[in-house]
Amino acid sequence: MNSICIAFKAHLGWVNAAAVDVDAPSPTLRFARRIDLFDDDDPELASPYHVAGGWSGQERVPPPADPAAVVRRGLRRQAAAVAERLGGLRQQLAEQRFDWARAVLLTRRGWFGDLDHNLSSHEHIHVAEGDAVRQATGAAFATLGIDAATQDEKSVGPTMEAAFGADWDARWKALRPPVAKSWRKEERLVAAAAWLNRTGGT
């Protein structure tokens, strides 16, 4: 079995994920993909802050009577759903002879405010949704017993530049993994985070 490290960058309802070999002497990429975490037909699960704040996509709708209850229930369900989805990913990888040895979660400088603050604007709601996905993803690593690290996404580029030179991203374009529908800059950044953290730290 090949041991791999997978890094994740959270979005609203999904994550970008990229995997690298842990033991390879140079970056060896295994996959880069989008992983949808929730059912879009279940708004409370996919976007509890939007539901609590009275939003349906970009449209205003009547808010629920108890926004706090909606958020509590949605976040609880998100934690269970992410753990189930990532547990399924680990099983799929095992069937392909990959041992998911380590995980990395990209973080952002920001805040996770109280409910009134999070619901005070559509912009704040989007920030809260992203933070919720990050929290659920980190909790899933613990639930699944996967060794995990975090890294500020803003620090990945400078760290890679120090290790590989200012042209690191151009060089990594040639390392496109065999299973990747695209190989955009964000995906390369996620893969770089996996490489930097593959053995227990930057």
Protein backbone atom coordinates (compact mmCIF):
# COMPACT_ATOMS: atom_id res chain seq x y z
CA MET A 1 0.00 0.00 0.00
CA ASN A 2 1.14 3.54 -0.76
CA SER A 3 0.76 5.97 2.12
CA ILE A 4 -0.76 9.28 1.09
CA CYS A 5 -1.42 12.67 2.62
CA ILE A 6 -4.57 14.51 1.53
CA ALA A 7 -5.05 18.26 1.89
CA PHE A 8 -8.44 19.97 1.87
CA LYS A 9 -9.66 23.50 1.18
CA ALA A 10 -13.24 24.12 2.26
CA HIS A 11 -15.91 25.86 0.21
CA LEU A 12 -19.65 26.22 0.73
CA GLY A 13 -20.83 22.60 0.68
CA TRP A 14 -17.71 21.08 -0.86
CA VAL A 15 -13.95 20.79 -0.59
CA ASN A 16 -11.04 20.80 -2.99
CA ALA A 17 -8.82 17.83 -2.16
CA ALA A 18 -5.39 16.77 -3.40
CA ALA A 19 -3.27 13.77 -2.42
CA VAL A 20 0.48 13.19 -2.50
CA ASP A 21 2.65 10.18 -1.65
CA VAL A 22 4.05 10.42 1.87
CA ASP A 23 7.29 8.50 1.23
CA ALA A 24 8.24 9.70 -2.27
CA PRO A 25 11.54 11.65 -2.42
CA SER A 26 9.96 14.24 -4.74
CA PRO A 27 6.34 15.38 -5.13
CA THR A 28 4.21 12.54 -6.47
CA LEU A 29 0.57 13.51 -6.91
CA ARG A 30 -2.17 10.90 -6.80
CA PHE A 31 -5.33 12.91 -7.36
CA ALA A 32 -6.90 16.35 -7.23
CA ARG A 33 -10.65 16.55 -7.11
CA ARG A 34 -13.72 18.34 -5.87
CA ILE A 35 -15.63 16.42 -3.22
CA ASP A 36 -19.24 17.42 -2.70
CA LEU A 37 -20.15 16.99 0.95
CA PHE A 38 -23.89 17.60 1.11
CA ASP A 39 -27.11 17.12 -0.82
CA ASP A 40 -28.07 20.42 -2.46
CA ASP A 41 -31.73 19.44 -2.12
CA ASP A 42 -31.38 19.69 1.68
CA PRO A 43 -30.75 23.41 2.37
CA GLU A 44 -30.61 23.06 6.15
CA LEU A 45 -27.80 20.53 5.77
CA ALA A 46 -25.91 22.25 2.95
CA SER A 47 -26.24 25.87 4.13
CA PRO A 48 -27.77 26.19 7.62
CA TYR A 49 -26.72 29.82 8.05
CA HIS A 50 -28.48 30.80 4.84
CA VAL A 51 -31.65 29.10 6.02
CA ALA A 52 -31.36 30.67 9.47
CA GLY A 53 -30.77 34.12 7.98
CA GLY A 54 -33.73 33.93 5.59
CA TRP A 55 -31.85 33.34 2.34
CA SER A 56 -32.49 30.91 -0.49
CA GLY A 57 -29.46 31.31 -2.72
CA GLN A 58 -29.40 35.02 -3.52
CA GLU A 59 -33.07 35.55 -2.75
CA ARG A 60 -34.59 36.70 0.52
CA VAL A 61 -37.19 34.40 2.04
CA PRO A 62 -39.03 34.45 5.38
CA PRO A 63 -36.59 33.45 8.16
CA PRO A 64 -37.39 30.55 10.48
CA ALA A 65 -38.93 31.18 13.89
CA ASP A 66 -35.86 29.80 15.69
CA PRO A 67 -32.68 30.54 13.68
CA ALA A 68 -30.42 29.21 16.44
CA ALA A 69 -32.14 25.83 16.38
CA VAL A 70 -31.72 25.65 12.59
CA VAL A 71 -27.98 26.33 12.88
CA ARG A 72 -27.46 23.86 15.75
CA ARG A 73 -29.30 21.13 13.89
CA GLY A 74 -27.58 21.92 10.58
CA LEU A 75 -24.08 21.91 12.06
CA ARG A 76 -24.73 18.63 13.88
CA ARG A 77 -25.93 17.05 10.66
CA GLN A 78 -22.97 18.50 8.75
CA ALA A 79 -20.50 16.91 11.14
CA ALA A 80 -22.12 13.51 10.66
CA ALA A 81 -22.36 13.91 6.88
CA VAL A 82 -18.72 14.95 6.43
CA ALA A 83 -17.49 12.09 8.61
CA GLU A 84 -19.55 9.67 6.54
CA ARG A 85 -18.35 11.11 3.22
CA LEU A 86 -14.68 11.08 4.23
CA GLY A 87 -15.04 7.62 5.72
CA GLY A 88 -16.32 6.49 2.34
CA LEU A 89 -13.34 8.15 0.66
CA ARG A 90 -10.95 6.28 2.94
CA GLN A 91 -12.65 2.99 2.08
CA GLN A 92 -12.42 3.73 -1.66
CA LEU A 93 -8.74 4.55 -1.31
CA ALA A 94 -8.08 1.34 0.64
CA GLU A 95 -9.67 -0.62 -2.19
CA GLN A 96 -7.23 1.11 -4.55
CA ARG A 97 -4.30 0.15 -2.27
CA PHE A 98 -3.79 3.59 -0.75
CA ASP A 99 -3.35 4.10 2.98
CA TRP A 100 -4.70 7.52 3.99
CA ALA A 101 -2.00 8.26 6.56
CA ARG A 102 -2.33 12.01 7.09
CA ALA A 103 -4.67 14.92 6.40
CA VAL A 104 -4.16 18.68 6.11
CA LEU A 105 -6.84 21.32 6.46
CA LEU A 106 -6.20 24.74 4.97
CA THR A 107 -7.37 27.52 7.25
CA ARG A 108 -7.99 31.22 6.79
CA ARG A 109 -7.40 34.23 8.97
CA GLY A 110 -10.87 35.25 10.01
CA TRP A 111 -13.51 34.78 12.60
CA PHE A 112 -16.36 32.57 13.57
CA GLY A 113 -18.59 35.08 15.33
CA ASP A 114 -21.70 34.73 17.44
CA LEU A 115 -24.94 33.94 15.66
CA ASP A 116 -26.21 37.53 15.45
CA HIS A 117 -22.96 38.62 13.84
CA ASN A 118 -22.88 35.65 11.45
CA LEU A 119 -26.42 36.39 10.27
CA SER A 120 -26.01 40.17 10.06
CA SER A 121 -25.19 40.21 6.32
CA HIS A 122 -25.06 37.86 3.35
CA GLU A 123 -21.27 38.26 3.28
CA HIS A 124 -20.99 37.19 6.92
CA ILE A 125 -23.27 34.24 6.23
CA HIS A 126 -20.92 33.01 3.50
CA VAL A 127 -17.93 33.32 5.83
CA ALA A 128 -19.80 31.38 8.51
CA GLU A 129 -20.76 28.63 6.04
CA GLY A 130 -17.13 28.19 5.01
CA ASP A 131 -15.97 28.11 8.62
CA ALA A 132 -18.64 25.50 9.38
CA VAL A 133 -17.35 23.24 6.60
CA ARG A 134 -13.78 23.63 7.90
CA GLN A 135 -14.90 22.75 11.42
CA ALA A 136 -16.86 19.72 10.22
CA THR A 137 -13.92 18.54 8.13
CA GLY A 138 -11.48 18.88 11.02
CA ALA A 139 -13.88 17.05 13.31
CA ALA A 140 -14.18 14.25 10.75
CA PHE A 141 -10.42 13.67 10.86
CA ALA A 142 -10.67 13.18 14.62
CA THR A 143 -13.71 10.92 14.30
CA LEU A 144 -11.93 8.76 11.73
CA GLY A 145 -8.68 8.68 13.69
CA ILE A 146 -6.66 10.31 10.90
CA ASP A 147 -3.48 12.16 11.86
CA ALA A 148 -4.09 15.75 10.81
CA ALA A 149 -2.48 19.17 10.59
CA THR A 150 -3.67 22.66 9.71
CA GLN A 151 -1.96 25.34 7.66
CA ASP A 152 -2.91 28.91 6.93
CA GLU A 153 -3.54 28.95 3.19
CA LYS A 154 -1.73 32.30 2.89
CA SER A 155 1.49 30.67 4.12
CA VAL A 156 1.60 27.89 1.51
CA GLY A 157 2.92 30.02 -1.36
CA PRO A 158 5.76 31.66 0.60
CA THR A 159 6.78 28.30 2.10
CA MET A 160 6.82 26.67 -1.34
CA GLU A 161 8.78 29.61 -2.74
CA ALA A 162 11.40 29.16 -0.03
CA ALA A 163 11.65 25.44 -0.81
CA PHE A 164 11.39 25.42 -4.62
CA GLY A 165 12.05 28.98 -5.77
CA ALA A 166 9.87 31.80 -7.03
CA ASP A 167 8.80 29.74 -10.05
CA TRP A 168 7.47 26.85 -7.96
CA ASP A 169 3.91 27.12 -9.29
CA ALA A 170 5.06 27.05 -12.91
CA ARG A 171 7.11 23.93 -12.15
CA TRP A 172 4.18 22.27 -10.38
CA LYS A 173 1.95 22.75 -13.40
CA ALA A 174 3.88 19.87 -14.99
CA LEU A 175 3.05 17.61 -12.01
CA ARG A 176 -0.63 17.34 -12.93
CA PRO A 177 -1.93 14.20 -11.16
CA PRO A 178 -3.25 11.30 -13.24
CA VAL A 179 -6.80 11.69 -11.89
CA ALA A 180 -7.70 15.38 -12.22
CA LYS A 181 -10.41 17.05 -14.28
CA SER A 182 -8.56 20.33 -13.92
CA TRP A 183 -5.30 21.58 -12.44
CA ARG A 184 -6.00 25.15 -11.43
CA LYS A 185 -3.87 27.32 -9.16
CA GLU A 186 -6.02 26.57 -6.12
CA GLU A 187 -5.67 22.84 -6.72
CA ARG A 188 -1.90 23.20 -6.99
CA LEU A 189 -1.92 25.17 -3.73
CA VAL A 190 -3.88 22.41 -1.99
CA ALA A 191 -1.49 19.77 -3.35
CA ALA A 192 1.46 21.85 -2.15
CA ALA A 193 -0.03 21.95 1.35
CA ALA A 194 -0.29 18.17 1.30
CA TRP A 195 3.36 17.90 0.26
CA LEU A 196 4.55 20.33 2.94
CA ASN A 197 2.66 18.52 5.71
CA ARG A 198 3.03 14.92 4.55
CA THR A 199 5.32 13.82 7.39
CA GLY A 200 4.17 15.87 10.33
CA GLY A 201 4.80 19.56 9.75
CA THR A 202 6.07 22.28 7.53
